[in-house]
mmCIF file of all heavy atoms, coordinates in Angstrom:
data_MODEL
# 
_entry.id   MODEL 
# 
loop_
_atom_site.group_PDB 
_atom_site.id 
_atom_site.type_symbol 
_atom_site.label_atom_id 
_atom_site.label_alt_id 
_atom_site.label_comp_id 
_atom_site.label_asym_id 
_atom_site.label_entity_id 
_atom_site.label_seq_id 
_atom_site.pdbx_PDB_ins_code 
_atom_site.Cartn_x 
_atom_site.Cartn_y 
_atom_site.Cartn_z 
_atom_site.occupancy 
_atom_site.B_iso_or_equiv 
_atom_site.pdbx_formal_charge 
_atom_site.auth_seq_id 
_atom_site.auth_comp_id 
_atom_site.auth_asym_id 
_atom_site.auth_atom_id 
_atom_site.pdbx_PDB_model_num 
ATOM 1   N N   . TRP A 1 1  ? 8.888  -5.684  89.803  1.00 0.00 ? 1  TRP A N   1 
ATOM 2   C CA  . TRP A 1 1  ? 9.661  -6.654  90.583  1.00 0.00 ? 1  TRP A CA  1 
ATOM 3   C C   . TRP A 1 1  ? 9.952  -6.086  91.973  1.00 0.00 ? 1  TRP A C   1 
ATOM 4   O O   . TRP A 1 1  ? 10.002 -6.834  92.950  1.00 0.00 ? 1  TRP A O   1 
ATOM 5   C CB  . TRP A 1 1  ? 10.969 -6.986  89.880  1.00 0.00 ? 1  TRP A CB  1 
ATOM 6   C CG  . TRP A 1 1  ? 10.843 -7.197  88.410  1.00 0.00 ? 1  TRP A CG  1 
ATOM 7   C CD1 . TRP A 1 1  ? 11.508 -6.539  87.416  1.00 0.00 ? 1  TRP A CD1 1 
ATOM 8   C CD2 . TRP A 1 1  ? 9.987  -8.140  87.735  1.00 0.00 ? 1  TRP A CD2 1 
ATOM 9   N NE1 . TRP A 1 1  ? 11.129 -6.998  86.184  1.00 0.00 ? 1  TRP A NE1 1 
ATOM 10  C CE2 . TRP A 1 1  ? 10.201 -7.979  86.341  1.00 0.00 ? 1  TRP A CE2 1 
ATOM 11  C CE3 . TRP A 1 1  ? 9.071  -9.092  88.180  1.00 0.00 ? 1  TRP A CE3 1 
ATOM 12  C CZ2 . TRP A 1 1  ? 9.531  -8.732  85.404  1.00 0.00 ? 1  TRP A CZ2 1 
ATOM 13  C CZ3 . TRP A 1 1  ? 8.390  -9.850  87.221  1.00 0.00 ? 1  TRP A CZ3 1 
ATOM 14  C CH2 . TRP A 1 1  ? 8.622  -9.672  85.861  1.00 0.00 ? 1  TRP A CH2 1 
ATOM 15  N N   . GLY A 1 2  ? 10.127 -4.766  92.034  1.00 0.00 ? 2  GLY A N   1 
ATOM 16  C CA  . GLY A 1 2  ? 10.410 -4.147  93.323  1.00 0.00 ? 2  GLY A CA  1 
ATOM 17  C C   . GLY A 1 2  ? 9.289  -4.336  94.319  1.00 0.00 ? 2  GLY A C   1 
ATOM 18  O O   . GLY A 1 2  ? 9.520  -4.590  95.505  1.00 0.00 ? 2  GLY A O   1 
ATOM 19  N N   . VAL A 1 3  ? 8.046  -4.208  93.856  1.00 0.00 ? 3  VAL A N   1 
ATOM 20  C CA  . VAL A 1 3  ? 6.894  -4.381  94.744  1.00 0.00 ? 3  VAL A CA  1 
ATOM 21  C C   . VAL A 1 3  ? 6.860  -5.811  95.288  1.00 0.00 ? 3  VAL A C   1 
ATOM 22  O O   . VAL A 1 3  ? 6.663  -6.036  96.491  1.00 0.00 ? 3  VAL A O   1 
ATOM 23  C CB  . VAL A 1 3  ? 5.585  -4.065  93.998  1.00 0.00 ? 3  VAL A CB  1 
ATOM 24  C CG1 . VAL A 1 3  ? 4.378  -4.523  94.804  1.00 0.00 ? 3  VAL A CG1 1 
ATOM 25  C CG2 . VAL A 1 3  ? 5.495  -2.574  93.726  1.00 0.00 ? 3  VAL A CG2 1 
ATOM 26  N N   . VAL A 1 4  ? 7.060  -6.777  94.409  1.00 0.00 ? 4  VAL A N   1 
ATOM 27  C CA  . VAL A 1 4  ? 7.014  -8.181  94.824  1.00 0.00 ? 4  VAL A CA  1 
ATOM 28  C C   . VAL A 1 4  ? 8.134  -8.490  95.815  1.00 0.00 ? 4  VAL A C   1 
ATOM 29  O O   . VAL A 1 4  ? 7.900  -9.069  96.898  1.00 0.00 ? 4  VAL A O   1 
ATOM 30  C CB  . VAL A 1 4  ? 7.113  -9.111  93.593  1.00 0.00 ? 4  VAL A CB  1 
ATOM 31  C CG1 . VAL A 1 4  ? 7.195  -10.569 94.034  1.00 0.00 ? 4  VAL A CG1 1 
ATOM 32  C CG2 . VAL A 1 4  ? 5.925  -8.899  92.670  1.00 0.00 ? 4  VAL A CG2 1 
ATOM 33  N N   . LEU A 1 5  ? 9.351  -8.096  95.478  1.00 0.00 ? 5  LEU A N   1 
ATOM 34  C CA  . LEU A 1 5  ? 10.503 -8.422  96.325  1.00 0.00 ? 5  LEU A CA  1 
ATOM 35  C C   . LEU A 1 5  ? 10.472 -7.654  97.642  1.00 0.00 ? 5  LEU A C   1 
ATOM 36  O O   . LEU A 1 5  ? 10.837 -8.200  98.693  1.00 0.00 ? 5  LEU A O   1 
ATOM 37  C CB  . LEU A 1 5  ? 11.799 -8.139  95.561  1.00 0.00 ? 5  LEU A CB  1 
ATOM 38  C CG  . LEU A 1 5  ? 12.023 -9.014  94.323  1.00 0.00 ? 5  LEU A CG  1 
ATOM 39  C CD1 . LEU A 1 5  ? 13.258 -8.549  93.549  1.00 0.00 ? 5  LEU A CD1 1 
ATOM 40  C CD2 . LEU A 1 5  ? 12.179 -10.476 94.725  1.00 0.00 ? 5  LEU A CD2 1 
ATOM 41  N N   . ALA A 1 6  ? 10.044 -6.386  97.579  1.00 0.00 ? 6  ALA A N   1 
ATOM 42  C CA  . ALA A 1 6  ? 9.964  -5.598  98.810  1.00 0.00 ? 6  ALA A CA  1 
ATOM 43  C C   . ALA A 1 6  ? 8.922  -6.190  99.757  1.00 0.00 ? 6  ALA A C   1 
ATOM 44  O O   . ALA A 1 6  ? 9.107  -6.193  100.975 1.00 0.00 ? 6  ALA A O   1 
ATOM 45  C CB  . ALA A 1 6  ? 9.629  -4.141  98.491  1.00 0.00 ? 6  ALA A CB  1 
ATOM 46  N N   . HIS A 1 7  ? 7.842  -6.696  99.199  1.00 0.00 ? 7  HIS A N   1 
ATOM 47  C CA  . HIS A 1 7  ? 6.796  -7.321  100.027 1.00 0.00 ? 7  HIS A CA  1 
ATOM 48  C C   . HIS A 1 7  ? 7.330  -8.586  100.698 1.00 0.00 ? 7  HIS A C   1 
ATOM 49  O O   . HIS A 1 7  ? 7.031  -8.871  101.863 1.00 0.00 ? 7  HIS A O   1 
ATOM 50  C CB  . HIS A 1 7  ? 5.576  -7.659  99.177  1.00 0.00 ? 7  HIS A CB  1 
ATOM 51  C CG  . HIS A 1 7  ? 4.482  -8.344  99.934  1.00 0.00 ? 7  HIS A CG  1 
ATOM 52  N ND1 . HIS A 1 7  ? 3.606  -7.670  100.761 1.00 0.00 ? 7  HIS A ND1 1 
ATOM 53  C CD2 . HIS A 1 7  ? 4.137  -9.662  100.006 1.00 0.00 ? 7  HIS A CD2 1 
ATOM 54  C CE1 . HIS A 1 7  ? 2.762  -8.530  101.306 1.00 0.00 ? 7  HIS A CE1 1 
ATOM 55  N NE2 . HIS A 1 7  ? 3.061  -9.741  100.865 1.00 0.00 ? 7  HIS A NE2 1 
ATOM 56  N N   . LEU A 1 8  ? 8.131  -9.345  99.969  1.00 0.00 ? 8  LEU A N   1 
ATOM 57  C CA  . LEU A 1 8  ? 8.620  -10.623 100.481 1.00 0.00 ? 8  LEU A CA  1 
ATOM 58  C C   . LEU A 1 8  ? 9.771  -10.467 101.468 1.00 0.00 ? 8  LEU A C   1 
ATOM 59  O O   . LEU A 1 8  ? 9.881  -11.241 102.428 1.00 0.00 ? 8  LEU A O   1 
ATOM 60  C CB  . LEU A 1 8  ? 9.068  -11.516 99.319  1.00 0.00 ? 8  LEU A CB  1 
ATOM 61  C CG  . LEU A 1 8  ? 7.977  -11.998 98.357  1.00 0.00 ? 8  LEU A CG  1 
ATOM 62  C CD1 . LEU A 1 8  ? 8.588  -12.759 97.190  1.00 0.00 ? 8  LEU A CD1 1 
ATOM 63  C CD2 . LEU A 1 8  ? 6.969  -12.880 99.098  1.00 0.00 ? 8  LEU A CD2 1 
ATOM 64  N N   . PHE A 1 9  ? 10.614 -9.448  101.243 1.00 0.00 ? 9  PHE A N   1 
ATOM 65  C CA  . PHE A 1 9  ? 11.865 -9.395  101.991 1.00 0.00 ? 9  PHE A CA  1 
ATOM 66  C C   . PHE A 1 9  ? 12.047 -8.163  102.869 1.00 0.00 ? 9  PHE A C   1 
ATOM 67  O O   . PHE A 1 9  ? 13.111 -7.980  103.447 1.00 0.00 ? 9  PHE A O   1 
ATOM 68  C CB  . PHE A 1 9  ? 13.050 -9.504  101.017 1.00 0.00 ? 9  PHE A CB  1 
ATOM 69  C CG  . PHE A 1 9  ? 13.061 -10.794 100.246 1.00 0.00 ? 9  PHE A CG  1 
ATOM 70  C CD1 . PHE A 1 9  ? 12.767 -10.815 98.896  1.00 0.00 ? 9  PHE A CD1 1 
ATOM 71  C CD2 . PHE A 1 9  ? 13.347 -11.996 100.881 1.00 0.00 ? 9  PHE A CD2 1 
ATOM 72  C CE1 . PHE A 1 9  ? 12.759 -12.007 98.178  1.00 0.00 ? 9  PHE A CE1 1 
ATOM 73  C CE2 . PHE A 1 9  ? 13.348 -13.190 100.179 1.00 0.00 ? 9  PHE A CE2 1 
ATOM 74  C CZ  . PHE A 1 9  ? 13.054 -13.199 98.831  1.00 0.00 ? 9  PHE A CZ  1 
ATOM 75  N N   . THR A 1 10 ? 11.057 -7.288  102.964 1.00 0.00 ? 10 THR A N   1 
ATOM 76  C CA  . THR A 1 10 ? 11.153 -6.145  103.875 1.00 0.00 ? 10 THR A CA  1 
ATOM 77  C C   . THR A 1 10 ? 9.935  -6.112  104.785 1.00 0.00 ? 10 THR A C   1 
ATOM 78  O O   . THR A 1 10 ? 8.902  -6.717  104.493 1.00 0.00 ? 10 THR A O   1 
ATOM 79  C CB  . THR A 1 10 ? 11.253 -4.804  103.117 1.00 0.00 ? 10 THR A CB  1 
ATOM 80  O OG1 . THR A 1 10 ? 9.976  -4.503  102.518 1.00 0.00 ? 10 THR A OG1 1 
ATOM 81  C CG2 . THR A 1 10 ? 12.321 -4.854  102.037 1.00 0.00 ? 10 THR A CG2 1 
ATOM 82  N N   . ARG A 1 11 ? 10.060 -5.371  105.882 1.00 0.00 ? 11 ARG A N   1 
ATOM 83  C CA  . ARG A 1 11 ? 8.949  -5.254  106.828 1.00 0.00 ? 11 ARG A CA  1 
ATOM 84  C C   . ARG A 1 11 ? 8.137  -3.978  106.626 1.00 0.00 ? 11 ARG A C   1 
ATOM 85  O O   . ARG A 1 11 ? 7.010  -3.884  107.091 1.00 0.00 ? 11 ARG A O   1 
ATOM 86  C CB  . ARG A 1 11 ? 9.481  -5.276  108.269 1.00 0.00 ? 11 ARG A CB  1 
ATOM 87  C CG  . ARG A 1 11 ? 10.062 -6.617  108.695 1.00 0.00 ? 11 ARG A CG  1 
ATOM 88  C CD  . ARG A 1 11 ? 10.511 -6.567  110.141 1.00 0.00 ? 11 ARG A CD  1 
ATOM 89  N NE  . ARG A 1 11 ? 11.547 -5.555  110.340 1.00 0.00 ? 11 ARG A NE  1 
ATOM 90  C CZ  . ARG A 1 11 ? 11.984 -5.159  111.540 1.00 0.00 ? 11 ARG A CZ  1 
ATOM 91  N NH1 . ARG A 1 11 ? 11.443 -5.674  112.638 1.00 0.00 ? 11 ARG A NH1 1 
ATOM 92  N NH2 . ARG A 1 11 ? 12.935 -4.255  111.638 1.00 0.00 ? 11 ARG A NH2 1 
ATOM 93  N N   . HIS A 1 12 ? 8.722  -2.992  105.966 1.00 0.00 ? 12 HIS A N   1 
ATOM 94  C CA  . HIS A 1 12 ? 8.108  -1.669  105.925 1.00 0.00 ? 12 HIS A CA  1 
ATOM 95  C C   . HIS A 1 12 ? 7.595  -1.273  104.538 1.00 0.00 ? 12 HIS A C   1 
ATOM 96  O O   . HIS A 1 12 ? 7.162  -0.152  104.349 1.00 0.00 ? 12 HIS A O   1 
ATOM 97  C CB  . HIS A 1 12 ? 9.103  -0.614  106.410 1.00 0.00 ? 12 HIS A CB  1 
ATOM 98  C CG  . HIS A 1 12 ? 9.626  -0.892  107.784 1.00 0.00 ? 12 HIS A CG  1 
ATOM 99  N ND1 . HIS A 1 12 ? 8.810  -0.967  108.882 1.00 0.00 ? 12 HIS A ND1 1 
ATOM 100 C CD2 . HIS A 1 12 ? 10.882 -1.146  108.222 1.00 0.00 ? 12 HIS A CD2 1 
ATOM 101 C CE1 . HIS A 1 12 ? 9.542  -1.237  109.964 1.00 0.00 ? 12 HIS A CE1 1 
ATOM 102 N NE2 . HIS A 1 12 ? 10.799 -1.353  109.583 1.00 0.00 ? 12 HIS A NE2 1 
ATOM 103 N N   . GLU A 1 13 ? 7.668  -2.173  103.565 1.00 0.00 ? 13 GLU A N   1 
ATOM 104 C CA  . GLU A 1 13 ? 7.209  -1.833  102.221 1.00 0.00 ? 13 GLU A CA  1 
ATOM 105 C C   . GLU A 1 13 ? 6.314  -2.956  101.686 1.00 0.00 ? 13 GLU A C   1 
ATOM 106 O O   . GLU A 1 13 ? 6.573  -3.535  100.641 1.00 0.00 ? 13 GLU A O   1 
ATOM 107 C CB  . GLU A 1 13 ? 8.393  -1.567  101.284 1.00 0.00 ? 13 GLU A CB  1 
ATOM 108 C CG  . GLU A 1 13 ? 9.249  -0.393  101.731 1.00 0.00 ? 13 GLU A CG  1 
ATOM 109 C CD  . GLU A 1 13 ? 10.303 -0.020  100.707 1.00 0.00 ? 13 GLU A CD  1 
ATOM 110 O OE1 . GLU A 1 13 ? 9.955  0.123   99.518  1.00 0.00 ? 13 GLU A OE1 1 
ATOM 111 O OE2 . GLU A 1 13 ? 11.469 0.140   101.086 1.00 0.00 ? 13 GLU A OE2 1 
ATOM 112 N N   . LYS A 1 14 ? 5.252  -3.251  102.425 1.00 0.00 ? 14 LYS A N   1 
ATOM 113 C CA  . LYS A 1 14 ? 4.346  -4.328  102.058 1.00 0.00 ? 14 LYS A CA  1 
ATOM 114 C C   . LYS A 1 14 ? 3.424  -3.911  100.910 1.00 0.00 ? 14 LYS A C   1 
ATOM 115 O O   . LYS A 1 14 ? 3.062  -2.749  100.772 1.00 0.00 ? 14 LYS A O   1 
ATOM 116 C CB  . LYS A 1 14 ? 3.511  -4.742  103.272 1.00 0.00 ? 14 LYS A CB  1 
ATOM 117 C CG  . LYS A 1 14 ? 4.342  -5.336  104.413 1.00 0.00 ? 14 LYS A CG  1 
ATOM 118 C CD  . LYS A 1 14 ? 5.131  -6.553  103.950 1.00 0.00 ? 14 LYS A CD  1 
ATOM 119 C CE  . LYS A 1 14 ? 5.917  -7.169  105.086 1.00 0.00 ? 14 LYS A CE  1 
ATOM 120 N NZ  . LYS A 1 14 ? 6.737  -8.329  104.629 1.00 0.00 ? 14 LYS A NZ  1 
ATOM 121 N N   . ALA A 1 15 ? 3.049  -4.892  100.113 1.00 0.00 ? 15 ALA A N   1 
ATOM 122 C CA  . ALA A 1 15 ? 2.196  -4.631  98.959  1.00 0.00 ? 15 ALA A CA  1 
ATOM 123 C C   . ALA A 1 15 ? 0.772  -4.318  99.397  1.00 0.00 ? 15 ALA A C   1 
ATOM 124 O O   . ALA A 1 15 ? 0.240  -4.930  100.317 1.00 0.00 ? 15 ALA A O   1 
ATOM 125 C CB  . ALA A 1 15 ? 2.202  -5.839  98.023  1.00 0.00 ? 15 ALA A CB  1 
ATOM 126 N N   . THR A 1 16 ? 0.167  -3.352  98.731  1.00 0.00 ? 16 THR A N   1 
ATOM 127 C CA  . THR A 1 16 ? -1.240 -3.000  98.931  1.00 0.00 ? 16 THR A CA  1 
ATOM 128 C C   . THR A 1 16 ? -2.038 -3.544  97.750  1.00 0.00 ? 16 THR A C   1 
ATOM 129 O O   . THR A 1 16 ? -1.454 -3.958  96.728  1.00 0.00 ? 16 THR A O   1 
ATOM 130 C CB  . THR A 1 16 ? -1.395 -1.475  99.011  1.00 0.00 ? 16 THR A CB  1 
ATOM 131 O OG1 . THR A 1 16 ? -0.945 -0.912  97.767  1.00 0.00 ? 16 THR A OG1 1 
ATOM 132 C CG2 . THR A 1 16 ? -0.569 -0.902  100.154 1.00 0.00 ? 16 THR A CG2 1 
ATOM 133 N N   . PRO A 1 17 ? -3.383 -3.553  97.832  1.00 0.00 ? 17 PRO A N   1 
ATOM 134 C CA  . PRO A 1 17 ? -4.168 -4.028  96.677  1.00 0.00 ? 17 PRO A CA  1 
ATOM 135 C C   . PRO A 1 17 ? -3.856 -3.288  95.381  1.00 0.00 ? 17 PRO A C   1 
ATOM 136 O O   . PRO A 1 17 ? -3.792 -3.898  94.313  1.00 0.00 ? 17 PRO A O   1 
ATOM 137 C CB  . PRO A 1 17 ? -5.612 -3.778  97.139  1.00 0.00 ? 17 PRO A CB  1 
ATOM 138 C CG  . PRO A 1 17 ? -5.553 -3.904  98.624  1.00 0.00 ? 17 PRO A CG  1 
ATOM 139 C CD  . PRO A 1 17 ? -4.223 -3.314  99.019  1.00 0.00 ? 17 PRO A CD  1 
ATOM 140 N N   . SER A 1 18 ? -3.656 -1.961  95.459  1.00 0.00 ? 18 SER A N   1 
ATOM 141 C CA  . SER A 1 18 ? -3.357 -1.208  94.234  1.00 0.00 ? 18 SER A CA  1 
ATOM 142 C C   . SER A 1 18 ? -1.997 -1.601  93.672  1.00 0.00 ? 18 SER A C   1 
ATOM 143 O O   . SER A 1 18 ? -1.817 -1.656  92.448  1.00 0.00 ? 18 SER A O   1 
ATOM 144 C CB  . SER A 1 18 ? -3.404 0.298   94.512  1.00 0.00 ? 18 SER A CB  1 
ATOM 145 O OG  . SER A 1 18 ? -2.385 0.686   95.416  1.00 0.00 ? 18 SER A OG  1 
ATOM 146 N N   . ARG A 1 19 ? -1.043 -1.887  94.538  1.00 0.00 ? 19 ARG A N   1 
ATOM 147 C CA  . ARG A 1 19 ? 0.276  -2.300  94.051  1.00 0.00 ? 19 ARG A CA  1 
ATOM 148 C C   . ARG A 1 19 ? 0.219  -3.697  93.425  1.00 0.00 ? 19 ARG A C   1 
ATOM 149 O O   . ARG A 1 19 ? 0.886  -3.959  92.426  1.00 0.00 ? 19 ARG A O   1 
ATOM 150 C CB  . ARG A 1 19 ? 1.294  -2.262  95.196  1.00 0.00 ? 19 ARG A CB  1 
ATOM 151 C CG  . ARG A 1 19 ? 1.701  -0.848  95.581  1.00 0.00 ? 19 ARG A CG  1 
ATOM 152 C CD  . ARG A 1 19 ? 2.641  -0.825  96.771  1.00 0.00 ? 19 ARG A CD  1 
ATOM 153 N NE  . ARG A 1 19 ? 3.036  0.555   97.046  1.00 0.00 ? 19 ARG A NE  1 
ATOM 154 C CZ  . ARG A 1 19 ? 4.180  1.095   96.655  1.00 0.00 ? 19 ARG A CZ  1 
ATOM 155 N NH1 . ARG A 1 19 ? 5.040  0.379   95.964  1.00 0.00 ? 19 ARG A NH1 1 
ATOM 156 N NH2 . ARG A 1 19 ? 4.475  2.353   96.931  1.00 0.00 ? 19 ARG A NH2 1 
ATOM 157 N N   . ILE A 1 20 ? -0.567 -4.588  94.005  1.00 0.00 ? 20 ILE A N   1 
ATOM 158 C CA  . ILE A 1 20 ? -0.730 -5.920  93.419  1.00 0.00 ? 20 ILE A CA  1 
ATOM 159 C C   . ILE A 1 20 ? -1.386 -5.808  92.042  1.00 0.00 ? 20 ILE A C   1 
ATOM 160 O O   . ILE A 1 20 ? -0.969 -6.471  91.080  1.00 0.00 ? 20 ILE A O   1 
ATOM 161 C CB  . ILE A 1 20 ? -1.561 -6.817  94.354  1.00 0.00 ? 20 ILE A CB  1 
ATOM 162 C CG1 . ILE A 1 20 ? -0.790 -7.076  95.654  1.00 0.00 ? 20 ILE A CG1 1 
ATOM 163 C CG2 . ILE A 1 20 ? -1.898 -8.132  93.664  1.00 0.00 ? 20 ILE A CG2 1 
ATOM 164 C CD1 . ILE A 1 20 ? -1.601 -7.787  96.718  1.00 0.00 ? 20 ILE A CD1 1 
ATOM 165 N N   . ALA A 1 21 ? -2.420 -4.941  91.937  1.00 0.00 ? 21 ALA A N   1 
ATOM 166 C CA  . ALA A 1 21 ? -3.058 -4.724  90.636  1.00 0.00 ? 21 ALA A CA  1 
ATOM 167 C C   . ALA A 1 21 ? -2.059 -4.157  89.638  1.00 0.00 ? 21 ALA A C   1 
ATOM 168 O O   . ALA A 1 21 ? -2.056 -4.530  88.451  1.00 0.00 ? 21 ALA A O   1 
ATOM 169 C CB  . ALA A 1 21 ? -4.244 -3.771  90.798  1.00 0.00 ? 21 ALA A CB  1 
ATOM 170 N N   . GLY A 1 22 ? -1.192 -3.266  90.114  1.00 0.00 ? 22 GLY A N   1 
ATOM 171 C CA  . GLY A 1 22 ? -0.175 -2.690  89.236  1.00 0.00 ? 22 GLY A CA  1 
ATOM 172 C C   . GLY A 1 22 ? 0.789  -3.728  88.712  1.00 0.00 ? 22 GLY A C   1 
ATOM 173 O O   . GLY A 1 22 ? 1.174  -3.713  87.535  1.00 0.00 ? 22 GLY A O   1 
ATOM 174 N N   . VAL A 1 23 ? 1.200  -4.660  89.568  1.00 0.00 ? 23 VAL A N   1 
ATOM 175 C CA  . VAL A 1 23 ? 2.098  -5.734  89.137  1.00 0.00 ? 23 VAL A CA  1 
ATOM 176 C C   . VAL A 1 23 ? 1.429  -6.587  88.068  1.00 0.00 ? 23 VAL A C   1 
ATOM 177 O O   . VAL A 1 23 ? 2.043  -6.939  87.047  1.00 0.00 ? 23 VAL A O   1 
ATOM 178 C CB  . VAL A 1 23 ? 2.509  -6.606  90.346  1.00 0.00 ? 23 VAL A CB  1 
ATOM 179 C CG1 . VAL A 1 23 ? 3.232  -7.869  89.874  1.00 0.00 ? 23 VAL A CG1 1 
ATOM 180 C CG2 . VAL A 1 23 ? 3.403  -5.807  91.296  1.00 0.00 ? 23 VAL A CG2 1 
ATOM 181 N N   . LEU A 1 24 ? 0.149  -6.928  88.267  1.00 0.00 ? 24 LEU A N   1 
ATOM 182 C CA  . LEU A 1 24 ? -0.567 -7.758  87.294  1.00 0.00 ? 24 LEU A CA  1 
ATOM 183 C C   . LEU A 1 24 ? -0.713 -7.047  85.949  1.00 0.00 ? 24 LEU A C   1 
ATOM 184 O O   . LEU A 1 24 ? -0.547 -7.658  84.886  1.00 0.00 ? 24 LEU A O   1 
ATOM 185 C CB  . LEU A 1 24 ? -1.942 -8.135  87.840  1.00 0.00 ? 24 LEU A CB  1 
ATOM 186 C CG  . LEU A 1 24 ? -1.933 -9.034  89.090  1.00 0.00 ? 24 LEU A CG  1 
ATOM 187 C CD1 . LEU A 1 24 ? -3.346 -9.268  89.594  1.00 0.00 ? 24 LEU A CD1 1 
ATOM 188 C CD2 . LEU A 1 24 ? -1.235 -10.356 88.793  1.00 0.00 ? 24 LEU A CD2 1 
ATOM 189 N N   . LEU A 1 25 ? -1.005 -5.742  85.997  1.00 0.00 ? 25 LEU A N   1 
ATOM 190 C CA  . LEU A 1 25 ? -1.099 -4.975  84.747  1.00 0.00 ? 25 LEU A CA  1 
ATOM 191 C C   . LEU A 1 25 ? 0.252  -4.926  84.041  1.00 0.00 ? 25 LEU A C   1 
ATOM 192 O O   . LEU A 1 25 ? 0.338  -5.077  82.813  1.00 0.00 ? 25 LEU A O   1 
ATOM 193 C CB  . LEU A 1 25 ? -1.578 -3.552  85.049  1.00 0.00 ? 25 LEU A CB  1 
ATOM 194 C CG  . LEU A 1 25 ? -3.074 -3.375  85.329  1.00 0.00 ? 25 LEU A CG  1 
ATOM 195 C CD1 . LEU A 1 25 ? -3.337 -1.978  85.890  1.00 0.00 ? 25 LEU A CD1 1 
ATOM 196 C CD2 . LEU A 1 25 ? -3.883 -3.594  84.046  1.00 0.00 ? 25 LEU A CD2 1 
ATOM 197 N N   . GLY A 1 26 ? 1.292  -4.702  84.814  1.00 0.00 ? 26 GLY A N   1 
ATOM 198 C CA  . GLY A 1 26 ? 2.622  -4.647  84.221  1.00 0.00 ? 26 GLY A CA  1 
ATOM 199 C C   . GLY A 1 26 ? 3.045  -5.964  83.607  1.00 0.00 ? 26 GLY A C   1 
ATOM 200 O O   . GLY A 1 26 ? 3.617  -5.998  82.506  1.00 0.00 ? 26 GLY A O   1 
ATOM 201 N N   . LEU A 1 27 ? 2.754  -7.060  84.293  1.00 0.00 ? 27 LEU A N   1 
ATOM 202 C CA  . LEU A 1 27 ? 3.078  -8.377  83.744  1.00 0.00 ? 27 LEU A CA  1 
ATOM 203 C C   . LEU A 1 27 ? 2.292  -8.641  82.470  1.00 0.00 ? 27 LEU A C   1 
ATOM 204 O O   . LEU A 1 27 ? 2.810  -9.251  81.523  1.00 0.00 ? 27 LEU A O   1 
ATOM 205 C CB  . LEU A 1 27 ? 2.783  -9.458  84.788  1.00 0.00 ? 27 LEU A CB  1 
ATOM 206 C CG  . LEU A 1 27 ? 3.708  -9.484  86.004  1.00 0.00 ? 27 LEU A CG  1 
ATOM 207 C CD1 . LEU A 1 27 ? 3.245  -10.547 86.995  1.00 0.00 ? 27 LEU A CD1 1 
ATOM 208 C CD2 . LEU A 1 27 ? 5.146  -9.742  85.586  1.00 0.00 ? 27 LEU A CD2 1 
ATOM 209 N N   . ALA A 1 28 ? 1.040  -8.173  82.432  1.00 0.00 ? 28 ALA A N   1 
ATOM 210 C CA  . ALA A 1 28 ? 0.249  -8.318  81.205  1.00 0.00 ? 28 ALA A CA  1 
ATOM 211 C C   . ALA A 1 28 ? 0.911  -7.560  80.056  1.00 0.00 ? 28 ALA A C   1 
ATOM 212 O O   . ALA A 1 28 ? 0.951  -8.046  78.912  1.00 0.00 ? 28 ALA A O   1 
ATOM 213 C CB  . ALA A 1 28 ? -1.167 -7.795  81.436  1.00 0.00 ? 28 ALA A CB  1 
# 
């Protein structure tokens, strides 16, 4: 959740492809 929210609401902690893949694996 931190990766998703930090990407949406901060300027300096944007999601990278590996972080997006990590979120999808975690949700699975």
